[in-house]
Protein backbone atom coordinates (compact mmCIF):
# COMPACT_ATOMS: atom_id res chain seq x y z
CA MET A 1 -30.65 193.81 -203.98
CA THR A 2 -30.08 195.42 -200.68
CA ASP A 3 -30.05 193.74 -197.30
CA SER A 4 -33.35 195.30 -196.27
CA ALA A 5 -35.11 193.94 -199.36
CA ILE A 6 -33.83 190.43 -198.61
CA ASN A 7 -35.01 190.67 -194.95
CA LYS A 8 -38.48 191.82 -196.07
CA LYS A 9 -38.69 188.90 -198.50
CA ARG A 10 -37.73 186.43 -195.73
CA LYS A 11 -40.29 187.91 -193.32
CA ARG A 12 -42.99 187.55 -195.96
CA SER A 13 -41.95 184.00 -196.70
CA ILE A 14 -42.25 183.07 -192.96
CA TRP A 15 -45.72 184.59 -192.62
CA ILE A 16 -47.30 182.67 -195.49
CA PRO A 17 -46.59 179.13 -194.16
CA LEU A 18 -47.46 180.28 -190.63
CA LEU A 19 -50.87 181.57 -191.77
CA VAL A 20 -51.48 178.36 -193.71
CA LEU A 21 -50.74 176.27 -190.58
CA ILE A 22 -53.04 178.39 -188.41
CA THR A 23 -55.82 178.14 -191.00
CA LEU A 24 -55.44 174.35 -191.19
CA ALA A 25 -55.51 174.03 -187.38
CA ALA A 26 -58.65 176.18 -187.18
CA CYS A 27 -60.37 174.10 -189.89
CA ALA A 28 -59.41 170.85 -188.15
CA THR A 29 -60.74 172.12 -184.81
CA ALA A 30 -63.99 173.26 -186.42
CA GLY A 31 -64.40 169.91 -188.19
CA TYR A 32 -63.78 167.94 -185.00
CA SER A 33 -66.24 170.10 -183.06
CA TYR A 34 -68.90 169.62 -185.74
CA TRP A 35 -68.30 165.85 -185.76
CA ARG A 36 -68.62 165.67 -181.92
CA MET A 37 -71.89 167.62 -181.97
CA GLN A 38 -73.35 165.28 -184.60
CA GLN A 39 -72.61 162.15 -182.55
CA LYS A 40 -75.63 160.53 -180.90
CA PRO A 41 -75.77 160.96 -177.10
CA ALA A 42 -76.28 157.20 -176.63
CA ALA A 43 -73.13 156.84 -174.57
CA ASN A 44 -74.21 159.63 -172.21
CA ALA A 45 -77.74 158.24 -171.84
CA LYS A 46 -76.44 154.83 -170.76
CA ALA A 47 -74.04 156.35 -168.24
CA GLU A 48 -76.78 158.37 -166.52
CA ALA A 49 -78.90 156.23 -164.26
CA PRO A 50 -82.53 157.16 -163.76
CA PRO A 51 -83.16 159.03 -160.52
CA PRO A 52 -84.23 156.83 -157.62
CA PRO A 53 -87.91 156.88 -156.74
CA ALA A 54 -89.04 159.16 -153.95
CA PRO A 55 -88.89 157.44 -150.56
CA VAL A 56 -92.12 156.31 -148.93
CA PHE A 57 -92.14 156.77 -145.17
CA PHE A 58 -94.70 155.63 -142.60
CA ALA A 59 -94.32 157.22 -139.17
CA LEU A 60 -95.74 155.36 -136.18
CA ASP A 61 -96.65 156.93 -132.86
CA THR A 62 -94.16 156.29 -130.08
CA PHE A 63 -94.39 153.10 -128.06
CA THR A 64 -93.94 152.88 -124.29
CA VAL A 65 -93.42 149.26 -123.25
CA ASN A 66 -92.40 147.42 -120.08
CA LEU A 67 -89.55 145.11 -120.92
CA GLY A 68 -89.88 141.44 -120.00
CA ASP A 69 -86.63 140.91 -118.06
CA ALA A 70 -86.84 143.62 -115.36
CA ASP A 71 -88.63 146.74 -114.24
CA ARG A 72 -87.30 148.58 -117.25
CA VAL A 73 -89.28 150.72 -119.68
CA LEU A 74 -88.61 151.22 -123.38
CA TYR A 75 -89.81 154.40 -125.07
CA VAL A 76 -89.27 154.07 -128.80
CA GLY A 77 -90.47 155.95 -131.85
CA ILE A 78 -89.97 154.48 -135.31
CA THR A 79 -90.50 155.45 -138.92
CA LEU A 80 -90.67 152.76 -141.57
CA ARG A 81 -89.26 153.18 -145.06
CA LEU A 82 -91.48 151.24 -147.43
CA ARG A 83 -91.21 150.00 -151.00
CA ASP A 84 -94.36 151.71 -152.34
CA ASP A 85 -97.54 153.60 -151.51
CA ALA A 86 -99.65 150.44 -151.65
CA THR A 87 -97.75 149.06 -148.66
CA ARG A 88 -98.24 152.34 -146.79
CA ALA A 89 -101.99 152.21 -147.47
CA ARG A 90 -102.16 148.58 -146.30
CA LEU A 91 -100.26 149.35 -143.08
CA SER A 92 -102.44 152.37 -142.44
CA GLU A 93 -105.59 150.33 -142.96
CA TYR A 94 -104.45 147.64 -140.50
CA LEU A 95 -102.72 150.01 -138.07
CA PRO A 96 -104.12 148.44 -134.86
CA GLU A 97 -102.77 145.03 -135.85
CA VAL A 98 -99.39 146.55 -136.81
CA ARG A 99 -99.12 148.30 -133.43
CA SER A 100 -100.14 145.11 -131.62
CA ARG A 101 -97.45 143.06 -133.36
CA LEU A 102 -94.83 145.67 -132.52
CA LEU A 103 -95.90 145.98 -128.89
CA LEU A 104 -95.58 142.22 -128.46
CA LEU A 105 -92.16 142.29 -130.11
CA PHE A 106 -90.92 145.16 -127.93
CA SER A 107 -92.15 143.56 -124.70
CA ARG A 108 -90.06 140.42 -125.39
CA GLN A 109 -86.79 142.38 -125.59
CA SER A 110 -84.18 142.57 -122.84
CA ALA A 111 -82.68 145.80 -121.54
CA GLN A 112 -79.09 144.52 -121.73
CA GLN A 113 -79.45 143.63 -125.37
CA LEU A 114 -81.10 146.93 -126.34
CA ALA A 115 -78.36 148.93 -124.64
CA THR A 116 -75.88 147.98 -127.41
CA ASP A 117 -75.78 149.06 -131.05
CA GLU A 118 -75.95 145.44 -132.16
CA GLY A 119 -79.11 145.00 -130.10
CA LYS A 120 -80.73 147.99 -131.76
CA GLN A 121 -79.80 146.65 -135.21
CA ALA A 122 -81.20 143.24 -134.27
CA LEU A 123 -84.42 144.92 -133.14
CA ALA A 124 -84.69 146.73 -136.49
CA THR A 125 -84.26 143.41 -138.29
CA ALA A 126 -86.88 141.81 -136.05
CA ILE A 127 -89.30 144.67 -136.83
CA LYS A 128 -88.82 144.07 -140.56
CA GLU A 129 -89.47 140.34 -140.13
CA THR A 130 -92.51 140.90 -137.90
CA LEU A 131 -94.13 143.28 -140.37
CA ALA A 132 -93.19 141.24 -143.46
CA THR A 133 -95.79 138.56 -142.81
CA PRO A 134 -99.17 139.32 -144.43
CA LEU A 135 -101.63 141.08 -142.16
CA VAL A 136 -104.55 139.12 -143.59
CA PRO A 137 -104.35 135.77 -145.43
CA GLY A 138 -104.27 136.33 -149.16
CA GLN A 139 -102.53 139.70 -149.02
CA PRO A 140 -98.97 140.20 -150.27
CA LYS A 141 -96.08 140.64 -147.87
CA GLN A 142 -95.21 144.11 -146.65
CA GLU A 143 -91.79 145.18 -147.90
CA VAL A 144 -90.17 147.30 -145.21
CA THR A 145 -86.80 148.42 -146.58
CA ASP A 146 -85.55 150.21 -143.46
CA VAL A 147 -86.48 150.98 -139.86
CA LEU A 148 -85.51 154.42 -138.63
CA TYR A 149 -85.50 155.23 -134.92
CA THR A 150 -86.94 158.67 -134.15
CA ALA A 151 -86.85 158.22 -130.35
CA PHE A 152 -85.12 155.63 -128.20
CA ILE A 153 -85.11 155.86 -124.42
CA LEU A 154 -84.33 152.88 -122.21
CA ARG A 155 -85.07 153.39 -118.49
């Protein structure tokens, strides 16, 4: 045999195992892909949380109130974030009483306290507590989740 015949035989002998390895790798990849597609998406469903409900907002007209400690005036606009539409309907139905409670609350505030961020946060907490009590005996509490200031001027 000549040298060229031996080299051709070696080249052929290298190609056969190489093609067998490539074929096995392709079959293994196809099998794994098929197995992954057949798995139930239970793990993905648990990981995805349901989307949060749409927010319910209740905007109130602005309030202009004389503060109790000096000749200072508070001009404040607020929007309430509520738990559900039933609370919004209840607040809308009893709107004069809601505004009266808030006007009384605002008139008891001091200008020095409202000038700070802590004072504004304390006022938001006080608004939540004031509106949480039932408007009429026998009704459930109003659940105000957040108080958002839309205008805040202290003169």
